[in-house]
N, C-alpha and C. Protein backbone atom coordinates (compact mmCIF):
# COMPACT_ATOMS: atom_id res chain seq x y z
N ARG A 1 63.52 44.80 33.51
CA ARG A 1 62.41 45.63 33.12
C ARG A 1 62.76 47.06 33.37
N LYS A 2 62.31 47.98 32.48
CA LYS A 2 62.61 49.40 32.60
C LYS A 2 61.56 50.07 33.46
N LEU A 3 62.01 51.29 34.00
CA LEU A 3 61.10 52.05 34.90
C LEU A 3 60.16 52.96 34.16
N GLU A 4 60.08 52.82 32.82
CA GLU A 4 59.12 53.73 32.10
C GLU A 4 57.70 53.70 32.60
N SER A 5 57.31 52.57 33.13
CA SER A 5 55.95 52.49 33.61
C SER A 5 55.89 52.53 35.14
N TYR A 6 56.99 52.91 35.79
CA TYR A 6 57.05 53.07 37.16
C TYR A 6 57.18 54.57 37.54
N HIS A 7 56.54 54.93 38.61
CA HIS A 7 56.68 56.31 39.16
C HIS A 7 56.97 56.16 40.66
N LEU A 8 57.93 56.96 41.07
CA LEU A 8 58.37 56.85 42.45
C LEU A 8 57.54 57.74 43.29
N MET A 9 57.07 57.19 44.45
CA MET A 9 56.30 57.97 45.42
C MET A 9 57.24 58.32 46.53
N ALA A 10 57.97 59.47 46.39
CA ALA A 10 58.94 59.90 47.41
C ALA A 10 59.56 61.19 46.88
N GLY A 11 60.69 61.56 46.85
CA GLY A 11 61.75 62.49 46.49
C GLY A 11 61.51 63.89 46.06
N ALA A 12 62.59 64.55 45.60
CA ALA A 12 62.60 65.92 45.12
C ALA A 12 63.77 66.11 44.26
N GLY A 13 63.75 67.18 43.43
CA GLY A 13 64.83 67.55 42.59
C GLY A 13 65.01 66.60 41.44
N VAL A 14 66.12 66.82 40.74
CA VAL A 14 66.52 65.96 39.66
C VAL A 14 67.55 64.99 40.18
N VAL A 15 67.37 63.75 40.06
CA VAL A 15 68.29 62.73 40.63
C VAL A 15 69.09 62.22 39.39
N GLU A 16 70.41 62.22 39.50
CA GLU A 16 71.29 61.65 38.43
C GLU A 16 72.01 60.44 38.84
N ILE A 17 72.15 59.49 37.94
CA ILE A 17 73.06 58.38 38.13
C ILE A 17 74.03 58.38 37.00
N SER A 18 75.29 58.45 37.36
CA SER A 18 76.39 58.57 36.34
C SER A 18 76.11 59.67 35.38
N GLY A 19 75.69 60.79 35.88
CA GLY A 19 75.52 62.03 35.07
C GLY A 19 74.24 62.08 34.31
N ALA A 20 73.42 61.01 34.28
CA ALA A 20 72.19 61.01 33.47
C ALA A 20 71.01 61.29 34.49
N GLN A 21 70.07 62.09 33.93
CA GLN A 21 68.89 62.43 34.71
C GLN A 21 68.00 61.20 34.91
N VAL A 22 67.66 60.85 36.11
CA VAL A 22 66.89 59.64 36.50
C VAL A 22 65.45 60.06 36.84
N ILE A 23 65.35 61.01 37.73
CA ILE A 23 64.02 61.44 38.24
C ILE A 23 63.77 62.91 37.87
N ARG A 24 62.65 63.16 37.26
CA ARG A 24 62.28 64.56 36.94
C ARG A 24 61.08 64.90 37.73
N LEU A 25 61.12 66.10 38.46
CA LEU A 25 59.91 66.54 39.14
C LEU A 25 59.07 67.35 38.10
N ASP A 26 57.81 66.87 37.96
CA ASP A 26 56.92 67.42 37.00
C ASP A 26 56.02 68.53 37.61
N ARG A 27 55.50 68.30 38.81
CA ARG A 27 54.53 69.23 39.36
C ARG A 27 54.48 69.02 40.93
N LYS A 28 54.23 70.08 41.62
CA LYS A 28 54.10 70.03 43.09
C LYS A 28 52.83 70.81 43.40
N SER A 29 52.04 70.12 44.36
CA SER A 29 50.80 70.73 44.73
C SER A 29 50.55 70.38 46.27
N THR A 30 49.63 71.02 46.82
CA THR A 30 49.25 70.73 48.20
C THR A 30 47.87 70.05 48.22
N VAL A 31 47.82 68.92 48.95
CA VAL A 31 46.50 68.22 49.07
C VAL A 31 45.96 68.47 50.45
N PHE A 32 44.71 68.94 50.53
CA PHE A 32 44.02 69.25 51.78
C PHE A 32 43.00 68.15 52.13
N PRO A 33 42.61 68.06 53.39
CA PRO A 33 41.52 67.14 53.74
C PRO A 33 40.33 67.49 52.86
N SER A 34 39.51 66.43 52.52
CA SER A 34 38.42 66.68 51.62
C SER A 34 37.29 67.56 52.32
N ARG A 35 37.30 67.60 53.61
CA ARG A 35 36.40 68.52 54.31
C ARG A 35 37.26 69.17 55.42
N PRO A 36 36.97 70.38 55.82
CA PRO A 36 37.71 71.04 56.91
C PRO A 36 37.55 70.25 58.20
N SER A 37 38.59 70.09 58.96
CA SER A 37 38.48 69.35 60.23
C SER A 37 38.37 70.48 61.31
N GLN A 38 37.99 69.99 62.51
CA GLN A 38 37.97 70.91 63.67
C GLN A 38 39.40 71.27 64.07
N ARG A 39 39.70 72.55 64.05
CA ARG A 39 41.13 72.90 64.46
C ARG A 39 41.30 72.61 65.87
N GLN A 40 42.37 71.89 66.15
CA GLN A 40 42.69 71.45 67.54
C GLN A 40 44.11 71.28 67.69
N GLN A 41 44.58 71.08 68.89
CA GLN A 41 45.98 70.79 69.14
C GLN A 41 46.12 69.36 69.50
N CYS A 42 47.09 68.65 68.94
CA CYS A 42 47.32 67.25 69.22
C CYS A 42 48.60 67.19 69.97
N LYS A 43 48.46 66.91 71.30
CA LYS A 43 49.65 66.89 72.16
C LYS A 43 50.55 65.70 71.82
N LEU A 44 51.80 65.86 71.97
CA LEU A 44 52.78 64.76 71.69
C LEU A 44 53.11 64.12 72.99
N CYS A 45 53.26 62.76 72.92
CA CYS A 45 53.67 62.03 74.15
C CYS A 45 55.19 62.03 74.25
N SER A 46 55.71 61.51 75.38
CA SER A 46 57.16 61.54 75.57
C SER A 46 57.93 60.87 74.50
N SER A 47 57.44 59.72 73.97
CA SER A 47 58.19 59.06 72.96
C SER A 47 58.17 59.85 71.61
N ASP A 48 57.12 60.61 71.37
CA ASP A 48 57.09 61.52 70.24
C ASP A 48 58.12 62.60 70.37
N LEU A 49 58.24 63.17 71.56
CA LEU A 49 59.20 64.26 71.81
C LEU A 49 60.60 63.80 71.64
N MET A 50 60.95 62.55 71.99
CA MET A 50 62.29 62.05 71.81
C MET A 50 62.61 61.95 70.31
N MET A 51 61.67 61.81 69.41
CA MET A 51 61.86 61.76 68.04
C MET A 51 62.05 63.08 67.29
N LEU A 52 61.88 64.16 68.01
CA LEU A 52 61.96 65.49 67.33
C LEU A 52 63.32 65.79 66.66
N SER A 53 64.34 65.20 67.23
CA SER A 53 65.69 65.42 66.66
C SER A 53 66.15 64.34 65.63
N CYS A 54 65.24 63.47 65.33
CA CYS A 54 65.47 62.42 64.31
C CYS A 54 65.06 62.91 62.92
N ASN A 55 65.60 62.24 61.88
CA ASN A 55 65.18 62.52 60.54
C ASN A 55 63.71 62.02 60.33
N TYR A 56 63.11 62.65 59.36
CA TYR A 56 61.80 62.25 58.96
C TYR A 56 61.75 60.72 58.57
N ILE A 57 60.72 60.02 58.88
CA ILE A 57 60.66 58.62 58.49
C ILE A 57 60.24 58.64 57.02
N GLN A 58 61.00 57.93 56.15
CA GLN A 58 60.74 57.96 54.71
C GLN A 58 60.55 56.55 54.17
N ARG A 59 59.66 56.44 53.26
CA ARG A 59 59.40 55.14 52.62
C ARG A 59 59.23 55.43 51.12
N CYS A 60 59.67 54.48 50.28
CA CYS A 60 59.59 54.56 48.90
C CYS A 60 58.83 53.37 48.37
N LEU A 61 57.72 53.65 47.66
CA LEU A 61 56.81 52.60 47.15
C LEU A 61 56.84 52.81 45.59
N LEU A 62 57.05 51.67 44.88
CA LEU A 62 57.07 51.74 43.40
C LEU A 62 55.79 51.11 42.90
N PHE A 63 55.13 51.77 42.00
CA PHE A 63 53.94 51.29 41.39
C PHE A 63 54.07 51.13 39.90
N SER A 64 53.59 50.02 39.42
CA SER A 64 53.61 49.68 37.98
C SER A 64 52.32 50.11 37.33
N LEU A 65 52.41 50.77 36.14
CA LEU A 65 51.20 51.05 35.35
C LEU A 65 51.06 50.07 34.21
N GLU A 66 51.87 49.06 34.19
CA GLU A 66 51.67 48.02 33.10
C GLU A 66 50.39 47.27 33.38
N ASN A 67 49.84 46.82 32.29
CA ASN A 67 48.52 46.04 32.32
C ASN A 67 47.45 46.75 33.03
N THR A 68 47.37 48.06 32.85
CA THR A 68 46.26 48.77 33.40
C THR A 68 45.68 49.70 32.34
N CYS A 69 44.43 50.05 32.52
CA CYS A 69 43.73 50.84 31.53
C CYS A 69 43.93 52.34 31.92
N TYR A 70 44.60 52.65 33.04
CA TYR A 70 44.74 54.00 33.46
C TYR A 70 46.04 54.61 32.97
N ASP A 71 45.98 55.87 32.65
CA ASP A 71 47.19 56.59 32.30
C ASP A 71 47.76 57.25 33.57
N PHE A 72 48.92 57.77 33.49
CA PHE A 72 49.58 58.30 34.64
C PHE A 72 48.75 59.39 35.31
N GLN A 73 48.28 60.35 34.47
CA GLN A 73 47.55 61.49 35.09
C GLN A 73 46.27 61.02 35.77
N SER A 74 45.64 60.01 35.26
CA SER A 74 44.36 59.45 35.92
C SER A 74 44.80 58.89 37.31
N VAL A 75 45.94 58.11 37.36
CA VAL A 75 46.42 57.59 38.61
C VAL A 75 46.76 58.68 39.60
N VAL A 76 47.40 59.78 39.11
CA VAL A 76 47.76 60.90 39.98
C VAL A 76 46.50 61.47 40.61
N GLU A 77 45.52 61.71 39.82
CA GLU A 77 44.27 62.30 40.31
C GLU A 77 43.58 61.38 41.28
N LEU A 78 43.55 60.13 41.02
CA LEU A 78 43.01 59.13 41.99
C LEU A 78 43.78 59.15 43.28
N LEU A 79 45.08 59.19 43.22
CA LEU A 79 45.90 59.19 44.48
C LEU A 79 45.62 60.50 45.24
N LYS A 80 45.53 61.61 44.56
CA LYS A 80 45.30 62.87 45.23
C LYS A 80 43.92 62.87 45.96
N LYS A 81 42.91 62.35 45.28
CA LYS A 81 41.58 62.23 45.85
C LYS A 81 41.59 61.34 47.08
N SER A 82 42.27 60.20 46.93
CA SER A 82 42.38 59.28 48.02
C SER A 82 43.11 59.87 49.21
N LEU A 83 44.18 60.58 48.92
CA LEU A 83 44.94 61.20 50.04
C LEU A 83 44.09 62.27 50.69
N SER A 84 43.35 63.03 49.92
CA SER A 84 42.49 64.01 50.52
C SER A 84 41.44 63.38 51.46
N GLN A 85 40.87 62.26 51.03
CA GLN A 85 39.92 61.59 51.93
C GLN A 85 40.59 60.95 53.07
N THR A 86 41.81 60.48 52.96
CA THR A 86 42.55 59.87 54.05
C THR A 86 42.90 60.90 55.12
N LEU A 87 43.24 62.09 54.66
CA LEU A 87 43.60 63.15 55.64
C LEU A 87 42.36 63.53 56.59
N LEU A 88 41.19 63.12 56.22
CA LEU A 88 40.06 63.38 57.14
C LEU A 88 40.29 62.56 58.42
N TYR A 89 40.79 61.32 58.29
CA TYR A 89 40.99 60.43 59.42
C TYR A 89 42.33 60.58 60.05
N PHE A 90 43.34 61.03 59.29
CA PHE A 90 44.68 61.26 59.77
C PHE A 90 45.01 62.75 59.72
N TYR A 91 44.08 63.52 60.24
CA TYR A 91 44.15 64.99 60.11
C TYR A 91 45.38 65.61 60.65
N PRO A 92 46.09 65.01 61.76
CA PRO A 92 47.33 65.59 62.18
C PRO A 92 48.38 65.72 61.09
N LEU A 93 48.37 64.78 60.06
CA LEU A 93 49.37 64.85 59.00
C LEU A 93 49.15 66.02 58.07
N ALA A 94 47.99 66.64 58.15
CA ALA A 94 47.74 67.83 57.37
C ALA A 94 48.08 69.11 58.15
N GLY A 95 48.56 68.94 59.35
CA GLY A 95 48.93 70.11 60.18
C GLY A 95 50.40 70.40 60.16
N ARG A 96 50.83 71.20 61.15
CA ARG A 96 52.24 71.52 61.34
C ARG A 96 52.53 71.49 62.82
N LEU A 97 53.83 71.24 63.13
CA LEU A 97 54.25 71.28 64.51
C LEU A 97 54.25 72.72 64.98
N ALA A 98 53.96 72.92 66.23
CA ALA A 98 53.95 74.25 66.81
C ALA A 98 54.49 74.16 68.25
N ILE A 99 54.92 75.31 68.74
CA ILE A 99 55.47 75.37 70.15
C ILE A 99 54.69 76.50 70.86
N SER A 100 54.14 76.09 71.97
CA SER A 100 53.34 77.08 72.75
C SER A 100 54.25 78.02 73.49
N ALA A 101 53.74 79.11 73.98
CA ALA A 101 54.46 80.06 74.75
C ALA A 101 55.16 79.38 75.96
N GLU A 102 54.63 78.35 76.47
CA GLU A 102 55.20 77.60 77.57
C GLU A 102 56.32 76.62 77.16
N GLY A 103 56.54 76.54 75.79
CA GLY A 103 57.53 75.57 75.26
C GLY A 103 57.08 74.21 75.04
N VAL A 104 55.72 74.00 75.02
CA VAL A 104 55.10 72.68 74.75
C VAL A 104 55.03 72.50 73.28
N VAL A 105 55.60 71.44 72.73
CA VAL A 105 55.52 71.10 71.34
C VAL A 105 54.21 70.25 71.06
N TYR A 106 53.50 70.66 70.07
CA TYR A 106 52.23 69.91 69.67
C TYR A 106 52.03 70.01 68.18
N ILE A 107 51.10 69.26 67.63
CA ILE A 107 50.69 69.40 66.27
C ILE A 107 49.50 70.33 66.19
N ASP A 108 49.63 71.41 65.44
CA ASP A 108 48.49 72.30 65.16
C ASP A 108 47.68 71.69 64.02
N CYS A 109 46.56 71.11 64.27
CA CYS A 109 45.76 70.46 63.22
C CYS A 109 44.98 71.55 62.50
N ASN A 110 45.68 72.20 61.58
CA ASN A 110 45.15 73.36 60.98
C ASN A 110 44.85 73.20 59.47
N ASP A 111 44.85 71.89 58.98
CA ASP A 111 44.48 71.58 57.57
C ASP A 111 45.42 72.35 56.56
N THR A 112 46.67 72.59 56.97
CA THR A 112 47.61 73.25 56.07
C THR A 112 47.91 72.33 54.87
N GLY A 113 47.76 71.01 55.00
CA GLY A 113 47.84 70.08 53.91
C GLY A 113 49.15 69.37 53.81
N ALA A 114 49.20 68.40 52.90
CA ALA A 114 50.36 67.56 52.62
C ALA A 114 50.87 67.85 51.19
N ASP A 115 52.13 67.91 51.04
CA ASP A 115 52.74 68.08 49.68
C ASP A 115 52.50 66.87 48.83
N PHE A 116 52.20 67.10 47.56
CA PHE A 116 52.13 66.06 46.60
C PHE A 116 52.93 66.36 45.38
N ILE A 117 53.97 65.60 45.16
CA ILE A 117 54.86 65.86 44.12
C ILE A 117 54.76 64.82 42.98
N GLU A 118 54.51 65.28 41.79
CA GLU A 118 54.49 64.38 40.67
C GLU A 118 55.83 64.31 40.00
N ALA A 119 56.36 63.09 39.83
CA ALA A 119 57.69 62.91 39.28
C ALA A 119 57.65 61.73 38.28
N SER A 120 58.63 61.72 37.41
CA SER A 120 58.68 60.60 36.43
C SER A 120 60.14 60.16 36.36
N ALA A 121 60.32 58.90 36.00
CA ALA A 121 61.60 58.26 35.94
C ALA A 121 62.04 58.19 34.45
N ALA A 122 63.31 58.33 34.19
CA ALA A 122 63.89 58.16 32.83
C ALA A 122 63.54 56.76 32.28
N ALA A 123 63.24 56.66 31.00
CA ALA A 123 62.82 55.46 30.43
C ALA A 123 63.93 54.39 30.38
N ASP A 124 65.18 54.81 30.45
CA ASP A 124 66.26 53.83 30.37
C ASP A 124 66.77 53.32 31.73
N ILE A 125 66.07 53.71 32.78
CA ILE A 125 66.45 53.30 34.12
C ILE A 125 65.64 52.02 34.48
N GLY A 126 66.29 50.99 34.89
CA GLY A 126 65.65 49.79 35.34
C GLY A 126 65.35 49.82 36.85
N LEU A 127 64.42 49.02 37.27
CA LEU A 127 64.02 48.92 38.66
C LEU A 127 65.24 48.56 39.52
N ALA A 128 66.12 47.73 38.97
CA ALA A 128 67.32 47.28 39.74
C ALA A 128 68.25 48.43 39.98
N ASP A 129 68.18 49.52 39.17
CA ASP A 129 69.02 50.68 39.38
C ASP A 129 68.73 51.39 40.66
N VAL A 130 67.59 51.22 41.21
CA VAL A 130 67.21 51.98 42.43
C VAL A 130 66.90 51.01 43.56
N THR A 131 67.05 49.72 43.42
CA THR A 131 66.69 48.78 44.45
C THR A 131 67.78 47.85 44.90
N THR A 132 68.94 47.97 44.30
CA THR A 132 70.09 47.11 44.75
C THR A 132 70.70 47.65 46.00
N GLU A 133 71.48 46.87 46.65
CA GLU A 133 72.10 47.20 47.95
C GLU A 133 73.03 48.41 47.93
N ASN A 134 73.70 48.58 46.76
CA ASN A 134 74.78 49.54 46.69
C ASN A 134 74.36 50.97 46.12
N VAL A 135 73.09 51.30 46.18
CA VAL A 135 72.64 52.54 45.70
C VAL A 135 72.13 53.52 46.81
N GLY A 136 72.62 53.28 48.03
CA GLY A 136 72.11 54.09 49.14
C GLY A 136 72.14 55.56 48.98
N SER A 137 73.22 56.12 48.37
CA SER A 137 73.32 57.53 48.23
C SER A 137 72.39 57.98 47.16
N VAL A 138 72.18 57.19 46.10
CA VAL A 138 71.25 57.55 45.04
C VAL A 138 69.80 57.49 45.57
N VAL A 139 69.40 56.44 46.25
CA VAL A 139 68.06 56.29 46.79
C VAL A 139 67.75 57.42 47.79
N ARG A 140 68.74 57.82 48.61
CA ARG A 140 68.49 58.88 49.54
C ARG A 140 68.16 60.19 48.82
N GLN A 141 68.62 60.39 47.61
CA GLN A 141 68.33 61.61 46.88
C GLN A 141 66.85 61.60 46.34
N LEU A 142 66.20 60.45 46.42
CA LEU A 142 64.80 60.39 45.97
C LEU A 142 63.82 61.02 46.88
N PHE A 143 64.18 61.38 48.06
CA PHE A 143 63.26 61.88 49.06
C PHE A 143 63.27 63.31 49.19
N ALA A 144 62.07 64.01 49.19
CA ALA A 144 61.95 65.44 49.30
C ALA A 144 62.46 66.02 50.56
N LEU A 145 62.28 65.31 51.68
CA LEU A 145 62.66 65.86 52.99
C LEU A 145 63.85 65.07 53.53
N ASN A 146 64.78 64.73 52.66
CA ASN A 146 65.91 63.91 53.01
C ASN A 146 66.72 64.52 54.20
N ALA A 147 66.94 65.78 54.17
CA ALA A 147 67.86 66.40 55.23
C ALA A 147 66.98 66.93 56.40
N ALA A 148 65.70 66.81 56.36
CA ALA A 148 64.83 67.40 57.39
C ALA A 148 64.89 66.51 58.69
N ILE A 149 64.75 67.20 59.74
CA ILE A 149 64.53 66.47 61.04
C ILE A 149 63.09 66.82 61.50
N ASN A 150 62.51 66.05 62.43
CA ASN A 150 61.14 66.11 62.73
C ASN A 150 60.70 67.47 63.25
N ILE A 151 61.55 68.16 63.98
CA ILE A 151 61.20 69.51 64.49
C ILE A 151 60.96 70.52 63.36
N ASP A 152 61.56 70.18 62.15
CA ASP A 152 61.34 71.03 61.01
C ASP A 152 59.93 71.05 60.56
N GLY A 153 59.07 70.18 61.12
CA GLY A 153 57.66 70.13 60.86
C GLY A 153 56.95 71.43 61.24
N ARG A 154 57.60 72.33 61.89
CA ARG A 154 57.05 73.62 62.20
C ARG A 154 56.93 74.43 60.93
N PHE A 155 57.79 74.18 59.96
CA PHE A 155 57.81 74.96 58.75
C PHE A 155 57.54 74.12 57.49
N LEU A 156 57.78 72.83 57.61
CA LEU A 156 57.63 71.91 56.44
C LEU A 156 56.41 71.07 56.64
N PRO A 157 55.86 70.47 55.61
CA PRO A 157 54.75 69.59 55.74
C PRO A 157 55.13 68.34 56.55
N LEU A 158 54.21 67.83 57.30
CA LEU A 158 54.44 66.60 58.05
C LEU A 158 54.40 65.34 57.14
N LEU A 159 53.81 65.54 55.95
CA LEU A 159 53.65 64.45 55.03
C LEU A 159 53.93 64.97 53.64
N VAL A 160 54.77 64.27 52.87
CA VAL A 160 55.07 64.53 51.46
C VAL A 160 54.88 63.21 50.73
N VAL A 161 54.15 63.29 49.65
CA VAL A 161 53.94 62.10 48.83
C VAL A 161 54.42 62.46 47.39
N GLN A 162 55.25 61.61 46.79
CA GLN A 162 55.74 61.87 45.41
C GLN A 162 55.47 60.62 44.61
């Protein structure tokens, strides 16, 4: 089955397989919590601090638009609205990491928002092209914050959805 009805929720840039464009970034926006949250500091525990030098945790979810009455743009708007409402409860994900004058790392829950990237896949790319065992280098290119480490959350969003 071809990926024409699949959209990847992850990545950035144009991804190529064998010189052919696979993923095209269409639009990038910021999604904020649906209501402002109380600005606060979320202290990190010792196990969180140990993860600051690790890469961002990344997941790729594939969604099919086959057999649905919704078009892609309607699904995008629904996902953005849902993410905005979800950020009310997971408000630290809409913040940024910060370091106090004393050197304490914390999440500044400042409603800066999460990145939302709209992307589409080439019509001639099949699901197997991005899910087989031997495509590690290709799949890694699908993620927007692939080279980021957690401490980069001082300048980068803590959550990116594509």
